[in-house]
Amino acid sequence: MKSFEELVNEQMLIMDKLLSMQTELDRYRELEEELRNRKKEQDLLSVQDDIMEMKKELNSIQNLFMQLTERVIESYQTKSATEKIMND
């Protein structure tokens, strides 16, 4: 089992990726709106496809982050319980 610190570091890397993906998704949504306003249907469809793929990837990363969060909590609880036993 990975140590608490390793899990937290991994979680921070995933959080960075989540934030990056969210920023990129926001940018694509702005582009989508611009293309819609310009009535560029073919370009709009392409951007909408990209947005759907990014949403899938973002969802996957969010799920991974949630799983890792659970592992961090479990690791912390195990570490705390071990330290309590050692100190008693």
PDB file of N, CA and C in Angstrom:
ATOM      1  N   MET A   1       0.838  -1.178   0.000  1.00  0.00           N
ATOM      2  CA  MET A   1       0.000   0.000   0.000  1.00  0.00           C
ATOM      3  C   MET A   1       0.887   1.248   0.000  1.00  0.00           C
ATOM      4  N   LYS A   2       0.495   2.220  -0.808  1.00  0.00           N
ATOM      5  CA  LYS A   2       1.267   3.452  -0.867  1.00  0.00           C
ATOM      6  C   LYS A   2       1.131   4.211   0.438  1.00  0.00           C
ATOM      7  N   SER A   3       2.165   4.991   0.720  1.00  0.00           N
ATOM      8  CA  SER A   3       2.128   5.790   1.943  1.00  0.00           C
ATOM      9  C   SER A   3       1.163   6.957   1.770  1.00  0.00           C
ATOM     10  N   PHE A   4       0.758   7.495   2.892  1.00  0.00           N
ATOM     11  CA  PHE A   4      -0.152   8.633   2.906  1.00  0.00           C
ATOM     12  C   PHE A   4       0.409   9.782   2.063  1.00  0.00           C
ATOM     13  N   GLU A   5       1.688  10.078   2.224  1.00  0.00           N
ATOM     14  CA  GLU A   5       2.310  11.188   1.499  1.00  0.00           C
ATOM     15  C   GLU A   5       2.311  10.938  -0.011  1.00  0.00           C
ATOM     16  N   GLU A   6       2.584   9.705  -0.414  1.00  0.00           N
ATOM     17  CA  GLU A   6       2.570   9.380  -1.837  1.00  0.00           C
ATOM     18  C   GLU A   6       1.171   9.543  -2.421  1.00  0.00           C
ATOM     19  N   LEU A   7       0.176   9.110  -1.672  1.00  0.00           N
ATOM     20  CA  LEU A   7      -1.205   9.242  -2.134  1.00  0.00           C
ATOM     21  C   LEU A   7      -1.607  10.708  -2.258  1.00  0.00           C
ATOM     22  N   VAL A   8      -1.215  11.522  -1.300  1.00  0.00           N
ATOM     23  CA  VAL A   8      -1.543  12.948  -1.356  1.00  0.00           C
ATOM     24  C   VAL A   8      -0.848  13.607  -2.545  1.00  0.00           C
ATOM     25  N   ASN A   9       0.413  13.264  -2.789  1.00  0.00           N
ATOM     26  CA  ASN A   9       1.128  13.810  -3.948  1.00  0.00           C
ATOM     27  C   ASN A   9       0.444  13.409  -5.252  1.00  0.00           C
ATOM     28  N   GLU A  10       0.029  12.158  -5.332  1.00  0.00           N
ATOM     29  CA  GLU A  10      -0.674  11.680  -6.525  1.00  0.00           C
ATOM     30  C   GLU A  10      -1.999  12.418  -6.685  1.00  0.00           C
ATOM     31  N   GLN A  11      -2.664  12.633  -5.587  1.00  0.00           N
ATOM     32  CA  GLN A  11      -3.932  13.354  -5.614  1.00  0.00           C
ATOM     33  C   GLN A  11      -3.732  14.791  -6.112  1.00  0.00           C
ATOM     34  N   MET A  12      -2.661  15.430  -5.706  1.00  0.00           N
ATOM     35  CA  MET A  12      -2.380  16.800  -6.153  1.00  0.00           C
ATOM     36  C   MET A  12      -2.111  16.852  -7.660  1.00  0.00           C
ATOM     37  N   LEU A  13      -1.426  15.847  -8.179  1.00  0.00           N
ATOM     38  CA  LEU A  13      -1.185  15.785  -9.617  1.00  0.00           C
ATOM     39  C   LEU A  13      -2.497  15.633 -10.384  1.00  0.00           C
ATOM     40  N   ILE A  14      -3.370  14.802  -9.862  1.00  0.00           N
ATOM     41  CA  ILE A  14      -4.663  14.612 -10.512  1.00  0.00           C
ATOM     42  C   ILE A  14      -5.491  15.889 -10.430  1.00  0.00           C
ATOM     43  N   MET A  15      -5.419  16.591  -9.312  1.00  0.00           N
ATOM     44  CA  MET A  15      -6.138  17.860  -9.170  1.00  0.00           C
ATOM     45  C   MET A  15      -5.636  18.868 -10.197  1.00  0.00           C
ATOM     46  N   ASP A  16      -4.331  18.928 -10.422  1.00  0.00           N
ATOM     47  CA  ASP A  16      -3.783  19.816 -11.452  1.00  0.00           C
ATOM     48  C   ASP A  16      -4.347  19.465 -12.822  1.00  0.00           C
ATOM     49  N   LYS A  17      -4.416  18.178 -13.111  1.00  0.00           N
ATOM     50  CA  LYS A  17      -4.960  17.747 -14.396  1.00  0.00           C
ATOM     51  C   LYS A  17      -6.440  18.101 -14.504  1.00  0.00           C
ATOM     52  N   LEU A  18      -7.174  17.927 -13.427  1.00  0.00           N
ATOM     53  CA  LEU A  18      -8.593  18.300 -13.418  1.00  0.00           C
ATOM     54  C   LEU A  18      -8.772  19.791 -13.731  1.00  0.00           C
ATOM     55  N   LEU A  19      -7.992  20.611 -13.079  1.00  0.00           N
ATOM     56  CA  LEU A  19      -8.091  22.055 -13.296  1.00  0.00           C
ATOM     57  C   LEU A  19      -7.718  22.434 -14.727  1.00  0.00           C
ATOM     58  N   SER A  20      -6.704  21.804 -15.239  1.00  0.00           N
ATOM     59  CA  SER A  20      -6.281  22.062 -16.612  1.00  0.00           C
ATOM     60  C   SER A  20      -7.367  21.660 -17.606  1.00  0.00           C
ATOM     61  N   MET A  21      -7.945  20.484 -17.389  1.00  0.00           N
ATOM     62  CA  MET A  21      -9.015  20.013 -18.272  1.00  0.00           C
ATOM     63  C   MET A  21     -10.228  20.935 -18.192  1.00  0.00           C
ATOM     64  N   GLN A  22     -10.556  21.394 -17.003  1.00  0.00           N
ATOM     65  CA  GLN A  22     -11.705  22.278 -16.844  1.00  0.00           C
ATOM     66  C   GLN A  22     -11.471  23.597 -17.571  1.00  0.00           C
ATOM     67  N   THR A  23     -10.264  24.123 -17.487  1.00  0.00           N
ATOM     68  CA  THR A  23      -9.926  25.363 -18.191  1.00  0.00           C
ATOM     69  C   THR A  23     -10.047  25.176 -19.701  1.00  0.00           C
ATOM     70  N   GLU A  24      -9.530  24.066 -20.185  1.00  0.00           N
ATOM     71  CA  GLU A  24      -9.610  23.788 -21.620  1.00  0.00           C
ATOM     72  C   GLU A  24     -11.060  23.611 -22.060  1.00  0.00           C
ATOM     73  N   LEU A  25     -11.840  22.934 -21.260  1.00  0.00           N
ATOM     74  CA  LEU A  25     -13.254  22.747 -21.579  1.00  0.00           C
ATOM     75  C   LEU A  25     -13.980  24.092 -21.628  1.00  0.00           C
ATOM     76  N   ASP A  26     -13.692  24.963 -20.695  1.00  0.00           N
ATOM     77  CA  ASP A  26     -14.299  26.299 -20.697  1.00  0.00           C
ATOM     78  C   ASP A  26     -13.941  27.063 -21.968  1.00  0.00           C
ATOM     79  N   ARG A  27     -12.693  26.941 -22.378  1.00  0.00           N
ATOM     80  CA  ARG A  27     -12.249  27.619 -23.599  1.00  0.00           C
ATOM     81  C   ARG A  27     -12.995  27.091 -24.824  1.00  0.00           C
ATOM     82  N   TYR A  28     -13.181  25.774 -24.873  1.00  0.00           N
ATOM     83  CA  TYR A  28     -13.919  25.179 -25.983  1.00  0.00           C
ATOM     84  C   TYR A  28     -15.389  25.601 -25.965  1.00  0.00           C
ATOM     85  N   ARG A  29     -15.949  25.753 -24.801  1.00  0.00           N
ATOM     86  CA  ARG A  29     -17.347  26.208 -24.731  1.00  0.00           C
ATOM     87  C   ARG A  29     -17.485  27.627 -25.261  1.00  0.00           C
ATOM     88  N   GLU A  30     -16.499  28.461 -24.981  1.00  0.00           N
ATOM     89  CA  GLU A  30     -16.508  29.820 -25.531  1.00  0.00           C
ATOM     90  C   GLU A  30     -16.422  29.772 -27.050  1.00  0.00           C
ATOM     91  N   LEU A  31     -15.554  28.929 -27.558  1.00  0.00           N
ATOM     92  CA  LEU A  31     -15.420  28.767 -28.999  1.00  0.00           C
ATOM     93  C   LEU A  31     -16.723  28.245 -29.602  1.00  0.00           C
ATOM     94  N   GLU A  32     -17.345  27.318 -28.916  1.00  0.00           N
ATOM     95  CA  GLU A  32     -18.631  26.773 -29.368  1.00  0.00           C
ATOM     96  C   GLU A  32     -19.656  27.895 -29.517  1.00  0.00           C
ATOM     97  N   GLU A  33     -19.724  28.745 -28.526  1.00  0.00           N
ATOM     98  CA  GLU A  33     -20.693  29.850 -28.573  1.00  0.00           C
ATOM     99  C   GLU A  33     -20.370  30.808 -29.711  1.00  0.00           C
ATOM    100  N   GLU A  34     -19.099  31.086 -29.900  1.00  0.00           N
ATOM    101  CA  GLU A  34     -18.686  31.981 -30.988  1.00  0.00           C
ATOM    102  C   GLU A  34     -19.060  31.396 -32.347  1.00  0.00           C
ATOM    103  N   LEU A  35     -18.808  30.110 -32.524  1.00  0.00           N
ATOM    104  CA  LEU A  35     -19.153  29.465 -33.794  1.00  0.00           C
ATOM    105  C   LEU A  35     -20.665  29.416 -34.005  1.00  0.00           C
ATOM    106  N   ARG A  36     -21.386  29.211 -32.938  1.00  0.00           N
ATOM    107  CA  ARG A  36     -22.848  29.209 -33.034  1.00  0.00           C
ATOM    108  C   ARG A  36     -23.340  30.585 -33.485  1.00  0.00           C
ATOM    109  N   ASN A  37     -22.757  31.629 -32.925  1.00  0.00           N
ATOM    110  CA  ASN A  37     -23.153  32.987 -33.296  1.00  0.00           C
ATOM    111  C   ASN A  37     -22.798  33.303 -34.745  1.00  0.00           C
ATOM    112  N   ARG A  38     -21.725  32.739 -35.232  1.00  0.00           N
ATOM    113  CA  ARG A  38     -21.294  32.970 -36.612  1.00  0.00           C
ATOM    114  C   ARG A  38     -21.983  32.032 -37.598  1.00  0.00           C
ATOM    115  N   LYS A  39     -22.720  31.077 -37.041  1.00  0.00           N
ATOM    116  CA  LYS A  39     -23.453  30.099 -37.842  1.00  0.00           C
ATOM    117  C   LYS A  39     -22.525  29.257 -38.720  1.00  0.00           C
ATOM    118  N   LYS A  40     -21.392  28.857 -38.150  1.00  0.00           N
ATOM    119  CA  LYS A  40     -20.444  27.981 -38.844  1.00  0.00           C
ATOM    120  C   LYS A  40     -20.720  26.565 -38.369  1.00  0.00           C
ATOM    121  N   GLU A  41     -21.651  25.941 -39.020  1.00  0.00           N
ATOM    122  CA  GLU A  41     -22.186  24.663 -38.569  1.00  0.00           C
ATOM    123  C   GLU A  41     -21.144  23.542 -38.546  1.00  0.00           C
ATOM    124  N   GLN A  42     -20.343  23.425 -39.586  1.00  0.00           N
ATOM    125  CA  GLN A  42     -19.366  22.331 -39.629  1.00  0.00           C
ATOM    126  C   GLN A  42     -18.310  22.479 -38.525  1.00  0.00           C
ATOM    127  N   ASP A  43     -17.810  23.679 -38.360  1.00  0.00           N
ATOM    128  CA  ASP A  43     -16.836  23.933 -37.294  1.00  0.00           C
ATOM    129  C   ASP A  43     -17.474  23.705 -35.930  1.00  0.00           C
ATOM    130  N   LEU A  44     -18.714  24.109 -35.799  1.00  0.00           N
ATOM    131  CA  LEU A  44     -19.435  23.935 -34.543  1.00  0.00           C
ATOM    132  C   LEU A  44     -19.563  22.458 -34.188  1.00  0.00           C
ATOM    133  N   LEU A  45     -19.895  21.629 -35.148  1.00  0.00           N
ATOM    134  CA  LEU A  45     -20.017  20.192 -34.895  1.00  0.00           C
ATOM    135  C   LEU A  45     -18.693  19.591 -34.442  1.00  0.00           C
ATOM    136  N   SER A  46     -17.629  20.024 -35.056  1.00  0.00           N
ATOM    137  CA  SER A  46     -16.304  19.530 -34.677  1.00  0.00           C
ATOM    138  C   SER A  46     -15.964  19.926 -33.235  1.00  0.00           C
ATOM    139  N   VAL A  47     -16.233  21.160 -32.886  1.00  0.00           N
ATOM    140  CA  VAL A  47     -15.952  21.636 -31.533  1.00  0.00           C
ATOM    141  C   VAL A  47     -16.850  20.908 -30.523  1.00  0.00           C
ATOM    142  N   GLN A  48     -18.089  20.676 -30.883  1.00  0.00           N
ATOM    143  CA  GLN A  48     -19.001  19.959 -29.985  1.00  0.00           C
ATOM    144  C   GLN A  48     -18.518  18.523 -29.748  1.00  0.00           C
ATOM    145  N   ASP A  49     -17.991  17.900 -30.787  1.00  0.00           N
ATOM    146  CA  ASP A  49     -17.410  16.561 -30.613  1.00  0.00           C
ATOM    147  C   ASP A  49     -16.226  16.604 -29.647  1.00  0.00           C
ATOM    148  N   ASP A  50     -15.375  17.612 -29.802  1.00  0.00           N
ATOM    149  CA  ASP A  50     -14.228  17.775 -28.898  1.00  0.00           C
ATOM    150  C   ASP A  50     -14.698  17.992 -27.462  1.00  0.00           C
ATOM    151  N   ILE A  51     -15.734  18.774 -27.306  1.00  0.00           N
ATOM    152  CA  ILE A  51     -16.270  19.041 -25.969  1.00  0.00           C
ATOM    153  C   ILE A  51     -16.787  17.755 -25.334  1.00  0.00           C
ATOM    154  N   MET A  52     -17.474  16.945 -26.092  1.00  0.00           N
ATOM    155  CA  MET A  52     -17.984  15.676 -25.563  1.00  0.00           C
ATOM    156  C   MET A  52     -16.840  14.775 -25.115  1.00  0.00           C
ATOM    157  N   GLU A  53     -15.777  14.711 -25.901  1.00  0.00           N
ATOM    158  CA  GLU A  53     -14.622  13.892 -25.529  1.00  0.00           C
ATOM    159  C   GLU A  53     -13.951  14.428 -24.265  1.00  0.00           C
ATOM    160  N   MET A  54     -13.839  15.748 -24.168  1.00  0.00           N
ATOM    161  CA  MET A  54     -13.231  16.332 -22.978  1.00  0.00           C
ATOM    162  C   MET A  54     -14.089  16.083 -21.746  1.00  0.00           C
ATOM    163  N   LYS A  55     -15.398  16.133 -21.907  1.00  0.00           N
ATOM    164  CA  LYS A  55     -16.290  15.860 -20.776  1.00  0.00           C
ATOM    165  C   LYS A  55     -16.115  14.423 -20.291  1.00  0.00           C
ATOM    166  N   LYS A  56     -15.968  13.493 -21.226  1.00  0.00           N
ATOM    167  CA  LYS A  56     -15.743  12.092 -20.855  1.00  0.00           C
ATOM    168  C   LYS A  56     -14.426  11.948 -20.093  1.00  0.00           C
ATOM    169  N   GLU A  57     -13.387  12.584 -20.613  1.00  0.00           N
ATOM    170  CA  GLU A  57     -12.078  12.509 -19.950  1.00  0.00           C
ATOM    171  C   GLU A  57     -12.120  13.180 -18.579  1.00  0.00           C
ATOM    172  N   LEU A  58     -12.787  14.313 -18.503  1.00  0.00           N
ATOM    173  CA  LEU A  58     -12.917  15.018 -17.226  1.00  0.00           C
ATOM    174  C   LEU A  58     -13.660  14.150 -16.213  1.00  0.00           C
ATOM    175  N   ASN A  59     -14.718  13.501 -16.649  1.00  0.00           N
ATOM    176  CA  ASN A  59     -15.474  12.616 -15.773  1.00  0.00           C
ATOM    177  C   ASN A  59     -14.597  11.467 -15.273  1.00  0.00           C
ATOM    178  N   SER A  60     -13.803  10.913 -16.167  1.00  0.00           N
ATOM    179  CA  SER A  60     -12.895   9.831 -15.797  1.00  0.00           C
ATOM    180  C   SER A  60     -11.874  10.296 -14.750  1.00  0.00           C
ATOM    181  N   ILE A  61     -11.330  11.478 -14.963  1.00  0.00           N
ATOM    182  CA  ILE A  61     -10.351  12.032 -14.027  1.00  0.00           C
ATOM    183  C   ILE A  61     -11.020  12.319 -12.677  1.00  0.00           C
ATOM    184  N   GLN A  62     -12.251  12.823 -12.706  1.00  0.00           N
ATOM    185  CA  GLN A  62     -12.966  13.091 -11.459  1.00  0.00           C
ATOM    186  C   GLN A  62     -13.197  11.793 -10.686  1.00  0.00           C
ATOM    187  N   ASN A  63     -13.561  10.734 -11.381  1.00  0.00           N
ATOM    188  CA  ASN A  63     -13.755   9.442 -10.726  1.00  0.00           C
ATOM    189  C   ASN A  63     -12.455   8.944 -10.107  1.00  0.00           C
ATOM    190  N   LEU A  64     -11.369   9.075 -10.838  1.00  0.00           N
ATOM    191  CA  LEU A  64     -10.064   8.685 -10.323  1.00  0.00           C
ATOM    192  C   LEU A  64      -9.711   9.504  -9.081  1.00  0.00           C
ATOM    193  N   PHE A  65      -9.994  10.780  -9.123  1.00  0.00           N
ATOM    194  CA  PHE A  65      -9.720  11.650  -7.983  1.00  0.00           C
ATOM    195  C   PHE A  65     -10.527  11.209  -6.767  1.00  0.00           C
ATOM    196  N   MET A  66     -11.794  10.873  -6.970  1.00  0.00           N
ATOM    197  CA  MET A  66     -12.636  10.424  -5.857  1.00  0.00           C
ATOM    198  C   MET A  66     -12.111   9.118  -5.265  1.00  0.00           C
ATOM    199  N   GLN A  67     -11.693   8.190  -6.124  1.00  0.00           N
ATOM    200  CA  GLN A  67     -11.138   6.930  -5.638  1.00  0.00           C
ATOM    201  C   GLN A  67      -9.859   7.180  -4.835  1.00  0.00           C
ATOM    202  N   LEU A  68      -9.030   8.047  -5.360  1.00  0.00           N
ATOM    203  CA  LEU A  68      -7.784   8.366  -4.673  1.00  0.00           C
ATOM    204  C   LEU A  68      -8.056   9.056  -3.337  1.00  0.00           C
ATOM    205  N   THR A  69      -9.062   9.898  -3.298  1.00  0.00           N
ATOM    206  CA  THR A  69      -9.436  10.553  -2.047  1.00  0.00           C
ATOM    207  C   THR A  69      -9.817   9.515  -0.999  1.00  0.00           C
ATOM    208  N   GLU A  70     -10.566   8.509  -1.416  1.00  0.00           N
ATOM    209  CA  GLU A  70     -10.933   7.433  -0.494  1.00  0.00           C
ATOM    210  C   GLU A  70      -9.688   6.706   0.010  1.00  0.00           C
ATOM    211  N   ARG A  71      -8.736   6.461  -0.884  1.00  0.00           N
ATOM    212  CA  ARG A  71      -7.496   5.800  -0.480  1.00  0.00           C
ATOM    213  C   ARG A  71      -6.682   6.664   0.474  1.00  0.00           C
ATOM    214  N   VAL A  72      -6.669   7.974   0.240  1.00  0.00           N
ATOM    215  CA  VAL A  72      -5.954   8.893   1.132  1.00  0.00           C
ATOM    216  C   VAL A  72      -6.577   8.840   2.522  1.00  0.00           C
ATOM    217  N   ILE A  73      -7.893   8.866   2.592  1.00  0.00           N
ATOM    218  CA  ILE A  73      -8.584   8.818   3.888  1.00  0.00           C
ATOM    219  C   ILE A  73      -8.284   7.507   4.603  1.00  0.00           C
ATOM    220  N   GLU A  74      -8.369   6.396   3.865  1.00  0.00           N
ATOM    221  CA  GLU A  74      -8.072   5.087   4.465  1.00  0.00           C
ATOM    222  C   GLU A  74      -6.630   5.036   4.977  1.00  0.00           C
ATOM    223  N   SER A  75      -5.710   5.553   4.179  1.00  0.00           N
ATOM    224  CA  SER A  75      -4.303   5.547   4.564  1.00  0.00           C
ATOM    225  C   SER A  75      -4.091   6.394   5.809  1.00  0.00           C
ATOM    226  N   TYR A  76      -4.736   7.548   5.856  1.00  0.00           N
ATOM    227  CA  TYR A  76      -4.606   8.422   7.021  1.00  0.00           C
ATOM    228  C   TYR A  76      -5.172   7.745   8.266  1.00  0.00           C
ATOM    229  N   GLN A  77      -6.332   7.100   8.119  1.00  0.00           N
ATOM    230  CA  GLN A  77      -6.943   6.416   9.264  1.00  0.00           C
ATOM    231  C   GLN A  77      -6.054   5.282   9.760  1.00  0.00           C
ATOM    232  N   THR A  78      -5.477   4.524   8.825  1.00  0.00           N
ATOM    233  CA  THR A  78      -4.571   3.441   9.198  1.00  0.00           C
ATOM    234  C   THR A  78      -3.342   3.990   9.903  1.00  0.00           C
ATOM    235  N   LYS A  79      -2.785   5.056   9.344  1.00  0.00           N
ATOM    236  CA  LYS A  79      -1.601   5.691   9.943  1.00  0.00           C
ATOM    237  C   LYS A  79      -1.921   6.204  11.345  1.00  0.00           C
ATOM    238  N   SER A  80      -3.072   6.845  11.500  1.00  0.00           N
ATOM    239  CA  SER A  80      -3.465   7.377  12.815  1.00  0.00           C
ATOM    240  C   SER A  80      -3.689   6.260  13.819  1.00  0.00           C
ATOM    241  N   ALA A  81      -4.332   5.184  13.386  1.00  0.00           N
ATOM    242  CA  ALA A  81      -4.586   4.056  14.286  1.00  0.00           C
ATOM    243  C   ALA A  81      -3.276   3.408  14.715  1.00  0.00           C
ATOM    244  N   THR A  82      -2.354   3.264  13.787  1.00  0.00           N
ATOM    245  CA  THR A  82      -1.052   2.669  14.093  1.00  0.00           C
ATOM    246  C   THR A  82      -0.286   3.540  15.082  1.00  0.00           C
ATOM    247  N   GLU A  83      -0.299   4.834  14.856  1.00  0.00           N
ATOM    248  CA  GLU A  83       0.396   5.754  15.758  1.00  0.00           C
ATOM    249  C   GLU A  83      -0.236   5.728  17.148  1.00  0.00           C
ATOM    250  N   LYS A  84      -1.551   5.615  17.214  1.00  0.00           N
ATOM    251  CA  LYS A  84      -2.228   5.569  18.512  1.00  0.00           C
ATOM    252  C   LYS A  84      -1.842   4.302  19.273  1.00  0.00           C
ATOM    253  N   ILE A  85      -1.799   3.168  18.569  1.00  0.00           N
ATOM    254  CA  ILE A  85      -1.411   1.904  19.200  1.00  0.00           C
ATOM    255  C   ILE A  85       0.024   1.987  19.707  1.00  0.00           C
ATOM    256  N   MET A  86       0.902   2.579  18.910  1.00  0.00           N
ATOM    257  CA  MET A  86       2.312   2.699  19.285  1.00  0.00           C
ATOM    258  C   MET A  86       2.493   3.608  20.498  1.00  0.00           C
ATOM    259  N   ASN A  87       1.648   4.621  20.614  1.00  0.00           N
ATOM    260  CA  ASN A  87       1.775   5.580  21.713  1.00  0.00           C
ATOM    261  C   ASN A  87       1.088   5.114  22.996  1.00  0.00           C
ATOM    262  N   ASP A  88       0.223   4.109  22.904  1.00  0.00           N
ATOM    263  CA  ASP A  88      -0.486   3.618  24.103  1.00  0.00           C
ATOM    264  C   ASP A  88       0.344   2.672  24.913  1.00  0.00           C
TER     265      ASP A  88
END
